[in-house]
Every structure is written in C-alpha cells, then in structure tokens.
Amino acid sequence: MTKLYPDVTLENVDQLAEDAEFCTYYAGETLIEEGDELEHVYVVRRGKVDLLVEAEEHPLSIKGHQGMFLLGEVELVTGQLAAVTVVAVEPTTVYRLEKGYFDQVLRTNPGVCYSILTEACKKVFSRVESYRLPKWPIDQQVATVLNELVTTKRFPTKVTESNVVEIAIRQKELASRMGLRQSSVYRALKVLKAHGVVLNQKRGGLVLDGSALKSYS
C-alpha cells in the first residue's frame, strides 16, 4: 500500500476510472482480508482506512492512511497473498481495477511499472514482519502459526485418531501469510521435521504430529 507514484497523476486516475468499478465502503467495512489472493488493485480516491494484522487476541492496527493511494499493487506484482486486512474508518471511495487491466497499465506505462516494482522490492519482505511476529526463532514462529491455523481450521484440515494432522497449506502460502522469505520457512520446516513436528511435506500441504506441534509452539 503506497501513495500514488510520481508517474501516476490525477489525470491518469480519472482515465483509469473509465475501465474501473467505482465502489464506496462505509466505516467498518472490509476492502481486503489478510490472506486473500487478490484479483484487483484499488485506487483510493478519498477516505481513510486502517491496516490490521492478526494478533493472538485482537487484530493489531499497524497504520492508518488517508488521502489518495494504491492498495494491492505489490501483491498483484509479486503474486503474494494479502499481507494485511484493510478496513474503512470513514466513508471511502475507490476505483477497483481488475488484474488483467492493471497488467495492461503496467505494460503500456513503463514508468509506473518501474515505480511499483521498486516499491515492491523495498517493502514486500519487511512491511508486516516487524509488526506481527515476536523476535523468537523462526521455527517456533512457524510452529505457532501452524498451530493457530490447525486450531481455527482456516485451511482445510484433517485430524486422525492418533492426532496426525494434515493441513492444506503450501510452503509458499505459509511464507506469504507470515511475511517471511520462502527460504526461511523452508529451513524452519526442516528444523521442525528434525524435532518430529513435521512428519511429511506433500505437494498439497503438510502432515504434522498434532501433539508435538502444540508442545513446540
């Protein structure tokens, strides 16, 4: 989420609006849900939103934004899942552009593309991690998040009588959800496997020892 790039003018925004869906979100309504796979980029024309990340008890507000800015452009460029939940604080009007049209804008406006890619490189691995995760070893962070996902069943989960857990979350999805590099999650899962928490990694997800996972997290 960033302010409009130098290459994007008010005139550009009005031109984009011709091919965009105009939406109004009222206070308390959600524009983007953390963990979603985004299919749109949002150009906020006016209003105010809060950015929220999950915490153990309550969502944690990390930043408020007001004025004109973009939402979701980094996720569309990088393919990451939404890193934050975005909620309107007051009546907020946006232009919602489909991914295909946004891709067309990037192809025909190299300056805009360069600005967005530069912003993505700066922010994609750091903008949420420092807010969300305590500073303990990454393997314990991963175990804690997996335990929470198994408990809440936010991903398809199967638990056997012997407490073997199969959860349909891939390494890439887990890394995106935690705001970590995929290589960091890969190493953490190797540590968890050595401790008997991860029993197997399949193409469609992970097989876990439920008891060991709970103790480790």
Protein backbone atom coordinates (compact mmCIF):
# COMPACT_ATOMS: atom_id res chain seq x y z
CA MET A 1 0.00 0.00 0.00
CA THR A 2 1.57 3.28 -1.10
CA LYS A 3 0.77 6.83 -2.03
CA LEU A 4 0.35 7.39 -5.73
CA TYR A 5 3.67 7.05 -7.52
CA PRO A 6 5.22 10.10 -9.19
CA ASP A 7 4.31 8.63 -12.59
CA VAL A 8 0.61 8.40 -11.68
CA THR A 9 -1.26 11.71 -11.92
CA LEU A 10 -4.82 12.68 -11.09
CA GLU A 11 -5.45 12.70 -14.83
CA ASN A 12 -4.19 9.12 -15.03
CA VAL A 13 -6.56 8.13 -12.21
CA ASP A 14 -9.55 9.65 -13.98
CA GLN A 15 -8.59 7.81 -17.17
CA LEU A 16 -8.27 4.54 -15.26
CA ALA A 17 -11.71 5.14 -13.76
CA GLU A 18 -13.31 4.70 -17.17
CA ASP A 19 -12.43 0.99 -17.04
CA ALA A 20 -12.76 0.52 -13.28
CA GLU A 21 -15.59 -0.30 -10.93
CA PHE A 22 -16.48 2.59 -8.61
CA CYS A 23 -17.14 1.44 -5.02
CA THR A 24 -17.93 3.06 -1.70
CA TYR A 25 -17.00 1.39 1.59
CA TYR A 26 -18.52 2.64 4.82
CA ALA A 27 -16.91 2.71 8.27
CA GLY A 28 -16.19 -0.84 9.45
CA GLU A 29 -16.45 -2.44 6.01
CA THR A 30 -13.52 -4.56 4.78
CA LEU A 31 -11.82 -3.84 1.46
CA ILE A 32 -9.16 -6.57 1.69
CA GLU A 33 -8.90 -9.57 4.01
CA GLU A 34 -5.48 -10.76 5.16
CA GLY A 35 -4.50 -13.96 3.33
CA ASP A 36 -6.74 -13.29 0.32
CA GLU A 37 -5.48 -13.89 -3.20
CA LEU A 38 -6.12 -10.51 -4.77
CA GLU A 39 -7.76 -10.10 -8.16
CA HIS A 40 -7.99 -6.30 -8.11
CA VAL A 41 -5.91 -3.24 -7.38
CA TYR A 42 -7.67 -0.43 -5.55
CA VAL A 43 -7.14 3.27 -6.22
CA VAL A 44 -8.49 5.06 -3.16
CA ARG A 45 -9.92 8.38 -4.35
CA ARG A 46 -10.88 9.74 -0.94
CA GLY A 47 -11.48 8.48 2.59
CA LYS A 48 -9.47 6.78 5.33
CA VAL A 49 -8.57 3.14 6.06
CA ASP A 50 -6.77 1.18 8.78
CA LEU A 51 -4.30 -1.64 8.14
CA LEU A 52 -4.70 -4.57 10.53
CA VAL A 53 -2.66 -7.72 11.14
CA GLU A 54 -3.64 -10.70 13.26
CA ALA A 55 -2.55 -10.88 16.88
CA GLU A 56 -3.21 -13.60 19.43
CA GLU A 57 -6.25 -11.93 20.98
CA HIS A 58 -7.27 -8.98 18.82
CA PRO A 59 -6.33 -7.57 15.40
CA LEU A 60 -3.42 -5.15 15.67
CA SER A 61 -3.68 -1.82 13.86
CA ILE A 62 -0.31 -1.01 12.33
CA LYS A 63 -1.08 2.06 10.24
CA GLY A 64 -3.82 4.44 9.17
CA HIS A 65 -3.91 6.05 5.72
CA GLN A 66 -5.89 8.97 4.40
CA GLY A 67 -5.98 10.66 1.01
CA MET A 68 -5.18 9.15 -2.39
CA PHE A 69 -3.13 5.95 -2.60
CA LEU A 70 -2.97 2.46 -4.10
CA LEU A 71 -3.93 -0.82 -2.44
CA GLY A 72 -2.92 -4.31 -3.54
CA GLU A 73 -0.44 -3.33 -6.25
CA VAL A 74 2.52 -5.07 -4.57
CA GLU A 75 0.54 -8.31 -4.14
CA LEU A 76 -0.50 -8.33 -7.81
CA VAL A 77 3.06 -7.71 -9.00
CA THR A 78 4.68 -10.28 -6.68
CA GLY A 79 1.91 -12.89 -6.50
CA GLN A 80 1.83 -12.77 -2.70
CA LEU A 81 -1.33 -13.19 -0.68
CA ALA A 82 -2.69 -10.08 1.01
CA ALA A 83 -0.41 -9.29 3.95
CA VAL A 84 -2.89 -7.12 5.86
CA THR A 85 -6.61 -6.60 6.37
CA VAL A 86 -7.79 -3.19 5.15
CA VAL A 87 -10.87 -1.70 6.82
CA ALA A 88 -12.58 1.62 6.08
CA VAL A 89 -12.53 4.07 9.00
CA GLU A 90 -14.89 6.53 7.30
CA PRO A 91 -16.83 6.52 4.01
CA THR A 92 -14.12 5.68 1.46
CA THR A 93 -14.48 5.77 -2.31
CA VAL A 94 -12.27 3.66 -4.55
CA TYR A 95 -11.76 2.66 -8.17
CA ARG A 96 -11.37 -1.11 -8.33
CA LEU A 97 -9.34 -2.33 -11.32
CA GLU A 98 -9.30 -5.98 -12.42
CA LYS A 99 -5.91 -7.68 -12.52
CA GLY A 100 -5.96 -8.02 -16.31
CA TYR A 101 -6.48 -4.30 -16.81
CA PHE A 102 -3.82 -3.47 -14.22
CA ASP A 103 -1.38 -5.71 -16.11
CA GLN A 104 -2.22 -3.75 -19.26
CA VAL A 105 -1.47 -0.47 -17.47
CA LEU A 106 1.93 -1.82 -16.44
CA ARG A 107 2.74 -2.95 -19.98
CA THR A 108 1.82 0.40 -21.55
CA ASN A 109 3.29 2.66 -18.84
CA PRO A 110 6.91 1.60 -18.14
CA GLY A 111 7.40 4.42 -15.63
CA VAL A 112 4.51 3.24 -13.49
CA CYS A 113 5.74 -0.35 -13.74
CA TYR A 114 9.25 0.62 -12.65
CA SER A 115 7.96 2.63 -9.69
CA ILE A 116 5.75 -0.21 -8.47
CA LEU A 117 8.46 -2.83 -8.84
CA THR A 118 10.90 -0.61 -6.95
CA GLU A 119 8.37 -0.14 -4.16
CA ALA A 120 7.68 -3.88 -4.07
CA CYS A 121 11.37 -4.71 -3.66
CA LYS A 122 11.63 -2.30 -0.72
CA LYS A 123 8.53 -3.42 1.13
CA VAL A 124 7.48 -6.95 0.31
CA PHE A 125 9.69 -8.72 2.88
CA SER A 126 9.65 -6.12 5.65
CA ARG A 127 6.43 -4.12 5.90
CA VAL A 128 4.50 -6.60 8.09
CA GLU A 129 7.06 -8.89 9.68
CA SER A 130 8.31 -6.33 12.22
CA TYR A 131 4.74 -5.67 13.44
CA ARG A 132 3.38 -9.17 13.55
CA LEU A 133 5.96 -11.62 14.83
CA PRO A 134 7.79 -11.72 18.16
CA LYS A 135 11.58 -11.97 17.96
CA TRP A 136 11.96 -15.65 18.71
CA PRO A 137 13.45 -18.36 16.44
CA ILE A 138 11.69 -18.72 13.11
CA ASP A 139 10.99 -22.42 13.65
CA GLN A 140 8.98 -21.52 16.78
CA GLN A 141 7.22 -18.73 14.89
CA VAL A 142 6.26 -21.18 12.14
CA ALA A 143 5.09 -23.77 14.66
CA THR A 144 2.97 -21.14 16.44
CA VAL A 145 1.31 -20.02 13.20
CA LEU A 146 0.68 -23.63 12.11
CA ASN A 147 -0.85 -24.46 15.48
CA GLU A 148 -3.15 -21.43 15.18
CA LEU A 149 -4.18 -22.43 11.63
CA VAL A 150 -4.89 -26.01 12.72
CA THR A 151 -6.94 -24.80 15.70
CA THR A 152 -9.01 -22.32 13.70
CA LYS A 153 -9.18 -24.53 10.58
CA ARG A 154 -8.62 -21.60 8.25
CA PHE A 155 -7.19 -24.05 5.76
CA PRO A 156 -8.68 -27.49 5.03
CA THR A 157 -7.54 -29.67 7.92
CA LYS A 158 -7.88 -33.38 8.68
CA VAL A 159 -7.04 -34.87 12.10
CA THR A 160 -6.78 -38.64 12.64
CA GLU A 161 -7.46 -40.54 15.86
CA SER A 162 -3.71 -40.71 16.50
CA ASN A 163 -3.57 -36.88 16.28
CA VAL A 164 -1.80 -36.80 12.94
CA VAL A 165 -2.78 -33.56 11.25
CA GLU A 166 -2.95 -32.92 7.52
CA ILE A 167 -3.29 -29.24 6.63
CA ALA A 168 -3.65 -28.00 3.06
CA ILE A 169 -1.20 -25.11 3.20
CA ARG A 170 1.86 -24.98 0.97
CA GLN A 171 5.23 -23.62 1.93
CA LYS A 172 4.78 -20.59 -0.34
CA GLU A 173 1.37 -19.77 1.20
CA LEU A 174 2.78 -20.09 4.71
CA ALA A 175 5.69 -17.77 3.89
CA SER A 176 3.34 -15.21 2.36
CA ARG A 177 0.99 -15.33 5.32
CA MET A 178 3.84 -14.74 7.78
CA GLY A 179 5.61 -12.08 5.72
CA LEU A 180 8.76 -14.21 5.57
CA ARG A 181 11.04 -15.33 2.77
CA GLN A 182 10.17 -18.78 1.45
CA SER A 183 13.75 -19.90 2.09
CA SER A 184 13.37 -19.00 5.79
CA VAL A 185 10.19 -21.08 6.08
CA TYR A 186 11.89 -23.95 4.23
CA ARG A 187 14.71 -24.01 6.80
CA ALA A 188 12.25 -23.73 9.69
CA LEU A 189 10.25 -26.70 8.40
CA LYS A 190 13.47 -28.74 8.22
CA VAL A 191 14.11 -27.96 11.90
CA LEU A 192 10.53 -28.91 12.77
CA LYS A 193 10.91 -32.16 10.86
CA ALA A 194 14.06 -32.97 12.84
CA HIS A 195 12.05 -32.45 16.05
CA GLY A 196 9.21 -34.70 14.89
CA VAL A 197 6.70 -31.88 14.41
CA VAL A 198 6.56 -32.12 10.62
CA LEU A 199 6.10 -35.72 9.54
CA ASN A 200 5.90 -35.16 5.80
CA GLN A 201 5.59 -32.43 3.18
CA LYS A 202 3.26 -33.13 0.29
CA ARG A 203 2.58 -31.09 -2.81
CA GLY A 204 -0.79 -30.09 -1.38
CA GLY A 205 0.25 -29.38 2.20
CA LEU A 206 1.88 -30.59 5.40
CA VAL A 207 1.50 -33.64 7.63
CA LEU A 208 2.08 -32.81 11.29
CA ASP A 209 2.22 -34.51 14.67
CA GLY A 210 -0.53 -32.60 16.45
CA SER A 211 0.80 -33.24 19.96
CA ALA A 212 4.38 -32.30 19.08
CA LEU A 213 3.14 -29.18 17.28
CA LYS A 214 1.21 -27.97 20.31
CA SER A 215 4.17 -28.57 22.62
CA TYR A 216 6.65 -26.86 20.29
CA SER A 217 4.61 -23.73 19.62
